[in-house]
């Protein structure tokens, strides 16, 4: 019998991506604090944050396989999380306008006997954005639960000139690599 899979996330995007694997899972939202460690690189931070989410849920469900992920946007040495308000969303979008930035997603998968943690990084280049585009986008409410203040899978796609790397890393779960790691836990096979 295989262990049950738990997604330690309330993200509807991660749920949609995990649904692509067509394996049963449940959702348990982690109560881990999502705060960057200033001593870590962006890659270390996304892996560490994913591990913190998983650790909290795995303590409650020791017989399950727990999957957690965290995404950050980095530009010019600055890591951008979710905006606190409209002003912060506007600052982030102005910063990214016409520029190339990195999106990193860290993933942790843990069972009682093993733990695998990895990250993927994708470069995203924005078109130059006009003030009215930024204002109209913020008015949709879409930026507020997304790292870097945009969702590539939503209206934020209109800002993207091109990407280099895995699209699903930008959405919030590099599903292809995640599936390959889950296979090691005997949870999926193609």
N, C-alpha and C. Protein backbone atom coordinates (compact mmCIF):
# COMPACT_ATOMS: atom_id res chain seq x y z
N UNK A 1 0.84 -1.19 0.00
CA UNK A 1 0.00 0.00 0.00
C UNK A 1 0.88 1.25 0.00
N UNK A 2 0.54 2.18 -0.83
CA UNK A 2 1.33 3.41 -0.89
C UNK A 2 0.85 4.39 0.18
N UNK A 3 1.74 5.28 0.54
CA UNK A 3 1.41 6.29 1.53
C UNK A 3 0.52 7.35 0.90
N UNK A 4 -0.38 7.95 1.69
CA UNK A 4 -1.19 9.04 1.14
C UNK A 4 -0.31 10.26 0.86
N UNK A 5 -0.71 11.04 -0.13
CA UNK A 5 -0.01 12.26 -0.50
C UNK A 5 -0.78 13.45 0.04
N UNK A 6 -0.05 14.38 0.65
CA UNK A 6 -0.65 15.62 1.16
C UNK A 6 0.07 16.80 0.51
N UNK A 7 -0.72 17.72 -0.02
CA UNK A 7 -0.20 18.98 -0.53
C UNK A 7 -0.28 20.00 0.59
N UNK A 8 0.87 20.51 1.03
CA UNK A 8 0.94 21.48 2.14
C UNK A 8 0.86 22.89 1.58
N UNK A 9 -0.27 23.20 0.93
CA UNK A 9 -0.41 24.50 0.28
C UNK A 9 -1.88 24.82 0.06
N UNK A 10 -2.22 26.10 0.16
CA UNK A 10 -3.57 26.53 -0.16
C UNK A 10 -3.66 27.13 -1.56
N UNK A 11 -2.55 27.09 -2.30
CA UNK A 11 -2.50 27.69 -3.63
C UNK A 11 -3.40 26.95 -4.62
N UNK A 12 -4.37 27.64 -5.21
CA UNK A 12 -5.20 26.98 -6.22
C UNK A 12 -4.39 26.58 -7.46
N UNK A 13 -3.32 27.33 -7.74
CA UNK A 13 -2.49 26.99 -8.89
C UNK A 13 -1.74 25.69 -8.66
N UNK A 14 -1.20 25.49 -7.47
CA UNK A 14 -0.50 24.24 -7.17
C UNK A 14 -1.47 23.06 -7.19
N UNK A 15 -2.68 23.28 -6.70
CA UNK A 15 -3.70 22.23 -6.74
C UNK A 15 -4.00 21.84 -8.19
N UNK A 16 -4.20 22.82 -9.05
CA UNK A 16 -4.49 22.55 -10.46
C UNK A 16 -3.34 21.76 -11.11
N UNK A 17 -2.11 22.13 -10.80
CA UNK A 17 -0.97 21.44 -11.39
C UNK A 17 -0.84 20.02 -10.85
N UNK A 18 -1.07 19.83 -9.57
CA UNK A 18 -1.00 18.49 -9.00
C UNK A 18 -2.12 17.61 -9.55
N UNK A 19 -3.26 18.20 -9.86
CA UNK A 19 -4.35 17.45 -10.48
C UNK A 19 -3.94 16.82 -11.81
N UNK A 20 -2.98 17.44 -12.50
CA UNK A 20 -2.51 16.90 -13.78
C UNK A 20 -1.91 15.50 -13.62
N UNK A 21 -1.39 15.19 -12.44
CA UNK A 21 -0.76 13.89 -12.21
C UNK A 21 -1.77 12.77 -12.02
N UNK A 22 -3.01 13.13 -11.76
CA UNK A 22 -4.09 12.16 -11.58
C UNK A 22 -3.77 11.11 -10.51
N UNK A 23 -3.23 11.59 -9.40
CA UNK A 23 -3.04 10.72 -8.24
C UNK A 23 -3.80 11.34 -7.07
N UNK A 24 -4.35 10.51 -6.21
CA UNK A 24 -5.12 11.06 -5.09
C UNK A 24 -4.23 11.79 -4.10
N UNK A 25 -4.75 12.88 -3.58
CA UNK A 25 -4.04 13.64 -2.55
C UNK A 25 -5.07 14.43 -1.76
N UNK A 26 -4.64 14.90 -0.62
CA UNK A 26 -5.47 15.80 0.17
C UNK A 26 -4.66 17.07 0.42
N UNK A 27 -5.33 18.09 0.90
CA UNK A 27 -4.68 19.37 1.16
C UNK A 27 -4.72 19.65 2.66
N UNK A 28 -3.57 19.98 3.20
CA UNK A 28 -3.47 20.45 4.58
C UNK A 28 -2.61 21.71 4.52
N UNK A 29 -3.21 22.83 4.83
CA UNK A 29 -2.50 24.10 4.75
C UNK A 29 -1.49 24.20 5.89
N UNK A 30 -0.26 24.47 5.53
CA UNK A 30 0.80 24.60 6.53
C UNK A 30 0.71 25.93 7.24
N UNK A 31 0.99 25.91 8.52
CA UNK A 31 0.99 27.13 9.33
C UNK A 31 2.40 27.72 9.45
N UNK A 32 3.33 27.22 8.66
CA UNK A 32 4.72 27.71 8.72
C UNK A 32 4.77 29.18 8.30
N UNK A 33 5.62 29.93 8.97
CA UNK A 33 5.81 31.34 8.64
C UNK A 33 6.60 31.46 7.34
N UNK A 34 6.12 32.29 6.41
CA UNK A 34 6.78 32.48 5.12
C UNK A 34 7.63 33.75 5.19
N UNK A 35 8.80 33.61 5.79
CA UNK A 35 9.69 34.75 5.94
C UNK A 35 11.07 34.38 5.41
N UNK A 36 11.60 35.21 4.53
CA UNK A 36 12.91 34.94 3.94
C UNK A 36 14.01 35.05 4.99
N UNK A 37 15.01 34.21 4.85
CA UNK A 37 16.20 34.25 5.70
C UNK A 37 17.24 35.10 4.98
N UNK A 38 17.63 36.20 5.55
CA UNK A 38 18.55 37.15 4.90
C UNK A 38 19.94 36.57 4.66
N UNK A 39 20.28 35.50 5.37
CA UNK A 39 21.59 34.88 5.21
C UNK A 39 21.63 33.87 4.07
N UNK A 40 20.48 33.60 3.44
CA UNK A 40 20.40 32.59 2.39
C UNK A 40 20.34 33.23 1.01
N UNK A 41 20.82 32.50 0.02
CA UNK A 41 20.64 32.89 -1.38
C UNK A 41 19.17 32.67 -1.75
N UNK A 42 18.71 33.22 -2.89
CA UNK A 42 17.33 32.96 -3.30
C UNK A 42 17.02 31.46 -3.42
N UNK A 43 17.94 30.69 -3.99
CA UNK A 43 17.71 29.25 -4.13
C UNK A 43 17.61 28.57 -2.77
N UNK A 44 18.50 28.95 -1.87
CA UNK A 44 18.44 28.38 -0.51
C UNK A 44 17.14 28.77 0.18
N UNK A 45 16.70 30.00 -0.03
CA UNK A 45 15.46 30.46 0.60
C UNK A 45 14.24 29.68 0.13
N UNK A 46 14.07 29.49 -1.18
CA UNK A 46 12.86 28.78 -1.64
C UNK A 46 12.87 27.32 -1.19
N UNK A 47 14.03 26.70 -1.15
CA UNK A 47 14.11 25.33 -0.66
C UNK A 47 13.80 25.30 0.84
N UNK A 48 14.39 26.23 1.59
CA UNK A 48 14.18 26.29 3.03
C UNK A 48 12.71 26.55 3.37
N UNK A 49 12.08 27.50 2.65
CA UNK A 49 10.67 27.80 2.90
C UNK A 49 9.78 26.60 2.58
N UNK A 50 10.07 25.90 1.49
CA UNK A 50 9.30 24.69 1.15
C UNK A 50 9.48 23.64 2.25
N UNK A 51 10.70 23.48 2.74
CA UNK A 51 10.96 22.52 3.81
C UNK A 51 10.21 22.88 5.08
N UNK A 52 10.14 24.18 5.42
CA UNK A 52 9.42 24.60 6.62
C UNK A 52 7.94 24.26 6.52
N UNK A 53 7.34 24.50 5.36
CA UNK A 53 5.93 24.17 5.15
C UNK A 53 5.70 22.68 5.33
N UNK A 54 6.58 21.88 4.72
CA UNK A 54 6.44 20.43 4.78
C UNK A 54 6.65 19.92 6.20
N UNK A 55 7.64 20.43 6.88
CA UNK A 55 7.96 19.96 8.23
C UNK A 55 6.76 20.08 9.16
N UNK A 56 6.09 21.24 9.12
CA UNK A 56 4.94 21.47 9.99
C UNK A 56 3.83 20.45 9.73
N UNK A 57 3.53 20.18 8.47
CA UNK A 57 2.47 19.23 8.13
C UNK A 57 2.92 17.79 8.39
N UNK A 58 4.16 17.46 8.08
CA UNK A 58 4.67 16.10 8.28
C UNK A 58 4.65 15.70 9.75
N UNK A 59 4.83 16.65 10.64
CA UNK A 59 4.75 16.34 12.08
C UNK A 59 3.35 15.88 12.46
N UNK A 60 2.33 16.44 11.80
CA UNK A 60 0.94 16.06 12.08
C UNK A 60 0.55 14.76 11.38
N UNK A 61 1.19 14.45 10.25
CA UNK A 61 0.84 13.28 9.44
C UNK A 61 2.11 12.49 9.11
N UNK A 62 2.68 11.80 10.11
CA UNK A 62 3.97 11.13 9.90
C UNK A 62 3.93 9.95 8.92
N UNK A 63 2.76 9.42 8.62
CA UNK A 63 2.67 8.28 7.71
C UNK A 63 2.35 8.69 6.27
N UNK A 64 2.36 9.97 6.00
CA UNK A 64 2.04 10.47 4.66
C UNK A 64 3.29 10.95 3.95
N UNK A 65 3.16 11.13 2.65
CA UNK A 65 4.16 11.84 1.86
C UNK A 65 3.62 13.26 1.72
N UNK A 66 4.43 14.23 2.14
CA UNK A 66 3.98 15.62 2.15
C UNK A 66 4.79 16.41 1.12
N UNK A 67 4.07 17.18 0.31
CA UNK A 67 4.69 18.00 -0.73
C UNK A 67 4.40 19.46 -0.43
N UNK A 68 5.45 20.28 -0.44
CA UNK A 68 5.29 21.72 -0.25
C UNK A 68 6.15 22.46 -1.25
N UNK A 69 5.77 23.70 -1.53
CA UNK A 69 6.54 24.51 -2.49
C UNK A 69 6.46 25.98 -2.09
N UNK A 70 7.43 26.73 -2.55
CA UNK A 70 7.44 28.17 -2.33
C UNK A 70 8.08 28.83 -3.55
N UNK A 71 7.56 30.00 -3.91
CA UNK A 71 8.03 30.72 -5.10
C UNK A 71 8.41 32.14 -4.73
N UNK A 72 9.54 32.60 -5.27
CA UNK A 72 9.91 34.01 -5.14
C UNK A 72 10.37 34.53 -6.50
N UNK A 73 10.27 35.83 -6.63
CA UNK A 73 10.71 36.55 -7.82
C UNK A 73 11.92 37.38 -7.41
N UNK A 74 12.99 37.34 -8.20
CA UNK A 74 14.20 38.11 -7.88
C UNK A 74 14.60 38.97 -9.07
N UNK A 75 14.90 40.22 -8.75
CA UNK A 75 15.39 41.15 -9.77
C UNK A 75 16.46 42.03 -9.16
N UNK A 76 17.60 42.08 -9.80
CA UNK A 76 18.68 42.98 -9.41
C UNK A 76 19.04 42.83 -7.92
N UNK A 77 19.11 41.58 -7.47
CA UNK A 77 19.50 41.30 -6.10
C UNK A 77 18.40 41.46 -5.07
N UNK A 78 17.20 41.80 -5.50
CA UNK A 78 16.08 41.98 -4.58
C UNK A 78 15.08 40.84 -4.78
N UNK A 79 14.69 40.19 -3.69
CA UNK A 79 13.68 39.13 -3.74
C UNK A 79 12.32 39.72 -3.44
N UNK A 80 11.37 39.42 -4.30
CA UNK A 80 10.02 39.96 -4.18
C UNK A 80 9.05 38.84 -3.83
N UNK A 81 8.38 38.99 -2.71
CA UNK A 81 7.34 38.05 -2.32
C UNK A 81 5.99 38.57 -2.77
N UNK A 82 4.97 38.25 -2.00
CA UNK A 82 3.62 38.74 -2.28
C UNK A 82 3.51 40.19 -1.79
N UNK A 83 2.88 41.06 -2.56
CA UNK A 83 2.77 42.46 -2.12
C UNK A 83 1.81 42.61 -0.94
N UNK A 84 2.13 43.54 -0.05
CA UNK A 84 1.28 43.79 1.12
C UNK A 84 0.06 44.64 0.77
N UNK A 85 0.21 45.49 -0.27
CA UNK A 85 -0.88 46.39 -0.64
C UNK A 85 -0.68 46.85 -2.09
N UNK A 86 -1.58 47.70 -2.56
CA UNK A 86 -1.54 48.18 -3.95
C UNK A 86 -0.27 48.98 -4.23
N UNK A 87 0.18 49.77 -3.29
CA UNK A 87 1.39 50.57 -3.51
C UNK A 87 2.60 49.66 -3.71
N UNK A 88 2.71 48.62 -2.89
CA UNK A 88 3.84 47.71 -3.05
C UNK A 88 3.73 46.94 -4.37
N UNK A 89 2.53 46.54 -4.76
CA UNK A 89 2.34 45.87 -6.04
C UNK A 89 2.77 46.77 -7.19
N UNK A 90 2.41 48.04 -7.11
CA UNK A 90 2.79 49.00 -8.15
C UNK A 90 4.32 49.14 -8.22
N UNK A 91 4.98 49.25 -7.06
CA UNK A 91 6.45 49.36 -7.04
C UNK A 91 7.10 48.13 -7.68
N UNK A 92 6.59 46.96 -7.35
CA UNK A 92 7.16 45.74 -7.91
C UNK A 92 6.99 45.70 -9.43
N UNK A 93 5.80 46.00 -9.91
CA UNK A 93 5.55 45.94 -11.35
C UNK A 93 6.36 46.98 -12.10
N UNK A 94 6.54 48.16 -11.53
CA UNK A 94 7.40 49.18 -12.15
C UNK A 94 8.85 48.70 -12.21
N UNK A 95 9.28 48.02 -11.16
CA UNK A 95 10.64 47.49 -11.10
C UNK A 95 10.86 46.45 -12.20
N UNK A 96 9.85 45.62 -12.45
CA UNK A 96 9.98 44.53 -13.43
C UNK A 96 9.72 44.99 -14.87
N UNK A 97 9.10 46.15 -15.04
CA UNK A 97 8.75 46.65 -16.36
C UNK A 97 9.96 46.73 -17.29
N UNK A 98 9.87 46.07 -18.44
CA UNK A 98 10.93 46.11 -19.45
C UNK A 98 12.20 45.37 -19.06
N UNK A 99 12.16 44.60 -17.99
CA UNK A 99 13.35 43.94 -17.46
C UNK A 99 13.21 42.41 -17.47
N UNK A 100 14.33 41.75 -17.27
CA UNK A 100 14.35 40.30 -17.09
C UNK A 100 14.59 40.00 -15.62
N UNK A 101 13.77 39.13 -15.07
CA UNK A 101 13.90 38.73 -13.68
C UNK A 101 13.88 37.21 -13.58
N UNK A 102 14.22 36.70 -12.43
CA UNK A 102 14.20 35.26 -12.18
C UNK A 102 13.04 34.89 -11.29
N UNK A 103 12.43 33.75 -11.58
CA UNK A 103 11.41 33.18 -10.71
C UNK A 103 11.95 31.83 -10.25
N UNK A 104 12.01 31.66 -8.94
CA UNK A 104 12.52 30.42 -8.36
C UNK A 104 11.40 29.76 -7.56
N UNK A 105 11.22 28.47 -7.78
CA UNK A 105 10.29 27.69 -6.98
C UNK A 105 11.06 26.55 -6.34
N UNK A 106 10.97 26.49 -5.03
CA UNK A 106 11.56 25.40 -4.26
C UNK A 106 10.48 24.39 -3.94
N UNK A 107 10.85 23.11 -3.97
CA UNK A 107 9.91 22.03 -3.69
C UNK A 107 10.54 21.09 -2.68
N UNK A 108 9.75 20.65 -1.72
CA UNK A 108 10.19 19.65 -0.76
C UNK A 108 9.15 18.54 -0.73
N UNK A 109 9.61 17.30 -0.79
CA UNK A 109 8.75 16.13 -0.68
C UNK A 109 9.34 15.26 0.42
N UNK A 110 8.50 14.94 1.42
CA UNK A 110 9.01 14.23 2.60
C UNK A 110 8.08 13.09 2.99
N UNK A 111 8.67 11.96 3.29
CA UNK A 111 7.96 10.86 3.93
C UNK A 111 8.68 10.58 5.23
N UNK A 112 8.22 9.57 5.97
CA UNK A 112 8.88 9.28 7.23
C UNK A 112 10.31 8.77 7.04
N UNK A 113 10.63 8.28 5.86
CA UNK A 113 11.96 7.70 5.65
C UNK A 113 12.90 8.51 4.76
N UNK A 114 12.36 9.51 4.07
CA UNK A 114 13.22 10.28 3.17
C UNK A 114 12.69 11.68 2.95
N UNK A 115 13.59 12.54 2.47
CA UNK A 115 13.22 13.92 2.16
C UNK A 115 14.02 14.36 0.94
N UNK A 116 13.33 14.86 -0.07
CA UNK A 116 13.97 15.38 -1.29
C UNK A 116 13.57 16.84 -1.44
N UNK A 117 14.57 17.69 -1.63
CA UNK A 117 14.32 19.12 -1.82
C UNK A 117 15.09 19.59 -3.05
N UNK A 118 14.43 20.38 -3.88
CA UNK A 118 15.07 20.90 -5.08
C UNK A 118 14.44 22.24 -5.43
N UNK A 119 15.05 22.93 -6.39
CA UNK A 119 14.46 24.17 -6.89
C UNK A 119 14.65 24.22 -8.40
N UNK A 120 13.82 25.00 -9.03
CA UNK A 120 13.94 25.30 -10.45
C UNK A 120 13.91 26.82 -10.60
N UNK A 121 14.62 27.31 -11.61
CA UNK A 121 14.69 28.76 -11.86
C UNK A 121 14.36 29.03 -13.32
N UNK A 122 13.53 30.03 -13.54
CA UNK A 122 13.13 30.43 -14.89
C UNK A 122 13.29 31.93 -15.02
N UNK A 123 13.82 32.37 -16.16
CA UNK A 123 13.94 33.80 -16.43
C UNK A 123 12.71 34.29 -17.19
N UNK A 124 12.18 35.42 -16.75
CA UNK A 124 11.00 36.03 -17.37
C UNK A 124 11.35 37.45 -17.77
N UNK A 125 11.03 37.82 -19.00
CA UNK A 125 11.25 39.18 -19.47
C UNK A 125 9.90 39.84 -19.72
N UNK A 126 9.71 41.01 -19.12
CA UNK A 126 8.49 41.78 -19.29
C UNK A 126 8.64 42.79 -20.43
N UNK A 127 7.55 43.08 -21.08
CA UNK A 127 7.47 44.25 -21.97
C UNK A 127 7.55 45.50 -21.09
N UNK A 128 7.91 46.63 -21.64
CA UNK A 128 7.77 47.88 -20.87
C UNK A 128 6.28 48.10 -20.58
N UNK A 129 5.95 48.42 -19.34
CA UNK A 129 4.55 48.55 -18.93
C UNK A 129 4.17 50.02 -18.81
N UNK A 130 2.99 50.34 -19.28
CA UNK A 130 2.45 51.69 -19.16
C UNK A 130 1.75 51.84 -17.82
N UNK A 131 1.68 53.06 -17.32
CA UNK A 131 1.05 53.33 -16.03
C UNK A 131 -0.37 52.78 -15.97
N UNK A 132 -1.14 52.99 -17.04
CA UNK A 132 -2.54 52.54 -17.05
C UNK A 132 -2.63 51.01 -17.03
N UNK A 133 -1.68 50.33 -17.65
CA UNK A 133 -1.67 48.86 -17.61
C UNK A 133 -1.47 48.37 -16.18
N UNK A 134 -0.52 49.00 -15.49
CA UNK A 134 -0.23 48.61 -14.11
C UNK A 134 -1.44 48.89 -13.22
N UNK A 135 -2.04 50.06 -13.34
CA UNK A 135 -3.21 50.41 -12.52
C UNK A 135 -4.38 49.48 -12.77
N UNK A 136 -4.65 49.21 -14.05
CA UNK A 136 -5.76 48.33 -14.38
C UNK A 136 -5.52 46.91 -13.86
N UNK A 137 -4.29 46.45 -13.94
CA UNK A 137 -3.98 45.11 -13.45
C UNK A 137 -4.13 45.03 -11.93
N UNK A 138 -3.65 46.01 -11.22
CA UNK A 138 -3.78 46.03 -9.77
C UNK A 138 -5.26 46.05 -9.38
N UNK A 139 -6.08 46.77 -10.13
CA UNK A 139 -7.51 46.85 -9.84
C UNK A 139 -8.21 45.50 -9.97
N UNK A 140 -7.63 44.56 -10.72
CA UNK A 140 -8.24 43.22 -10.84
C UNK A 140 -8.09 42.42 -9.55
N UNK A 141 -7.15 42.81 -8.69
CA UNK A 141 -6.89 42.06 -7.47
C UNK A 141 -5.96 40.88 -7.66
N UNK A 142 -5.62 40.57 -8.90
CA UNK A 142 -4.79 39.41 -9.18
C UNK A 142 -3.39 39.46 -8.55
N UNK A 143 -2.76 40.61 -8.42
CA UNK A 143 -1.38 40.62 -7.91
C UNK A 143 -1.20 40.23 -6.44
N UNK A 144 -2.26 40.28 -5.65
CA UNK A 144 -2.08 40.27 -4.21
C UNK A 144 -1.71 38.94 -3.57
N UNK A 145 -1.89 37.85 -4.25
CA UNK A 145 -1.47 36.57 -3.64
C UNK A 145 -0.37 35.91 -4.47
N UNK A 146 0.41 36.75 -5.18
CA UNK A 146 1.42 36.21 -6.07
C UNK A 146 2.77 36.90 -5.86
N UNK A 147 3.81 36.08 -5.82
CA UNK A 147 5.17 36.62 -5.71
C UNK A 147 5.45 37.52 -6.91
N UNK A 148 6.03 38.67 -6.65
CA UNK A 148 6.35 39.60 -7.72
C UNK A 148 5.16 40.39 -8.23
N UNK A 149 3.99 40.17 -7.66
CA UNK A 149 2.76 40.91 -7.98
C UNK A 149 2.16 40.57 -9.34
N UNK A 150 2.46 39.37 -9.87
CA UNK A 150 1.80 39.00 -11.12
C UNK A 150 1.63 37.49 -11.22
N UNK A 151 0.62 37.10 -11.99
CA UNK A 151 0.39 35.69 -12.27
C UNK A 151 0.51 35.45 -13.76
N UNK A 152 1.48 34.65 -14.15
CA UNK A 152 1.71 34.38 -15.57
C UNK A 152 0.55 33.59 -16.18
N UNK A 153 -0.19 32.85 -15.35
CA UNK A 153 -1.28 32.04 -15.83
C UNK A 153 -2.59 32.84 -15.92
N UNK A 154 -2.55 34.11 -15.53
CA UNK A 154 -3.73 34.96 -15.58
C UNK A 154 -3.49 36.17 -16.45
N UNK A 155 -4.06 37.29 -16.06
CA UNK A 155 -3.92 38.53 -16.82
C UNK A 155 -2.47 39.02 -16.87
N UNK A 156 -1.67 38.61 -15.91
CA UNK A 156 -0.25 38.97 -15.91
C UNK A 156 0.50 38.44 -17.11
N UNK A 157 -0.07 37.45 -17.80
CA UNK A 157 0.56 36.91 -19.01
C UNK A 157 0.72 37.99 -20.07
N UNK A 158 -0.10 39.01 -20.03
CA UNK A 158 -0.03 40.08 -21.02
C UNK A 158 1.23 40.93 -20.87
N UNK A 159 1.92 40.82 -19.74
CA UNK A 159 3.15 41.57 -19.50
C UNK A 159 4.39 40.84 -20.00
N UNK A 160 4.26 39.53 -20.25
CA UNK A 160 5.42 38.67 -20.50
C UNK A 160 5.82 38.69 -21.97
N UNK A 161 7.04 39.16 -22.20
CA UNK A 161 7.59 39.16 -23.56
C UNK A 161 8.12 37.78 -23.92
N UNK A 162 8.89 37.18 -23.01
CA UNK A 162 9.32 35.79 -23.20
C UNK A 162 9.84 35.20 -21.90
N UNK A 163 9.94 33.88 -21.91
CA UNK A 163 10.50 33.18 -20.76
C UNK A 163 11.60 32.24 -21.24
N UNK A 164 12.52 31.96 -20.33
CA UNK A 164 13.58 31.00 -20.59
C UNK A 164 13.59 30.03 -19.42
N UNK A 165 13.06 28.84 -19.65
CA UNK A 165 12.97 27.85 -18.60
C UNK A 165 11.59 27.24 -18.55
N UNK A 166 11.26 26.68 -17.41
CA UNK A 166 10.01 25.95 -17.21
C UNK A 166 8.87 26.90 -16.83
N UNK A 167 7.87 26.98 -17.67
CA UNK A 167 6.69 27.82 -17.43
C UNK A 167 6.06 27.50 -16.07
N UNK A 168 5.97 26.22 -15.72
CA UNK A 168 5.28 25.82 -14.49
C UNK A 168 6.04 26.23 -13.23
N UNK A 169 7.34 26.47 -13.36
CA UNK A 169 8.09 27.03 -12.24
C UNK A 169 7.54 28.42 -11.91
N UNK A 170 7.20 29.19 -12.93
CA UNK A 170 6.67 30.53 -12.73
C UNK A 170 5.25 30.46 -12.14
N UNK A 171 4.48 29.46 -12.56
CA UNK A 171 3.13 29.29 -12.02
C UNK A 171 3.19 28.91 -10.53
N UNK A 172 4.22 28.14 -10.13
CA UNK A 172 4.37 27.83 -8.72
C UNK A 172 4.67 26.38 -8.37
N UNK A 173 4.79 25.50 -9.39
CA UNK A 173 5.16 24.11 -9.12
C UNK A 173 5.74 23.51 -10.40
N UNK A 174 7.05 23.28 -10.44
CA UNK A 174 7.65 22.66 -11.63
C UNK A 174 7.18 21.20 -11.71
N UNK A 175 6.05 21.01 -12.37
CA UNK A 175 5.32 19.75 -12.29
C UNK A 175 6.08 18.57 -12.89
N UNK A 176 6.82 18.78 -13.96
CA UNK A 176 7.55 17.68 -14.58
C UNK A 176 8.61 17.11 -13.63
N UNK A 177 9.42 17.98 -13.03
CA UNK A 177 10.43 17.52 -12.09
C UNK A 177 9.77 16.95 -10.83
N UNK A 178 8.70 17.58 -10.38
CA UNK A 178 7.98 17.09 -9.20
C UNK A 178 7.49 15.67 -9.43
N UNK A 179 6.92 15.41 -10.60
CA UNK A 179 6.44 14.07 -10.92
C UNK A 179 7.58 13.06 -10.88
N UNK A 180 8.73 13.44 -11.41
CA UNK A 180 9.87 12.52 -11.41
C UNK A 180 10.36 12.21 -10.00
N UNK A 181 10.31 13.19 -9.12
CA UNK A 181 10.70 12.94 -7.73
C UNK A 181 9.63 12.10 -7.03
N UNK A 182 8.36 12.37 -7.29
CA UNK A 182 7.30 11.56 -6.69
C UNK A 182 7.40 10.09 -7.10
N UNK A 183 7.89 9.84 -8.31
CA UNK A 183 8.09 8.44 -8.75
C UNK A 183 9.06 7.73 -7.81
N UNK A 184 10.05 8.44 -7.29
CA UNK A 184 11.01 7.84 -6.36
C UNK A 184 10.34 7.46 -5.04
N UNK A 185 9.23 8.10 -4.74
CA UNK A 185 8.47 7.78 -3.54
C UNK A 185 7.40 6.72 -3.84
N UNK A 186 7.44 6.17 -5.05
CA UNK A 186 6.48 5.15 -5.51
C UNK A 186 5.05 5.68 -5.50
N UNK A 187 4.90 6.98 -5.84
CA UNK A 187 3.56 7.57 -5.87
C UNK A 187 3.05 7.81 -7.28
N UNK A 188 3.89 7.66 -8.27
CA UNK A 188 3.41 7.91 -9.62
C UNK A 188 4.27 7.13 -10.60
N UNK A 189 3.62 6.68 -11.66
CA UNK A 189 4.39 6.04 -12.73
C UNK A 189 3.71 6.32 -14.06
N UNK A 190 4.51 6.50 -15.08
CA UNK A 190 4.01 6.68 -16.44
C UNK A 190 4.48 5.53 -17.28
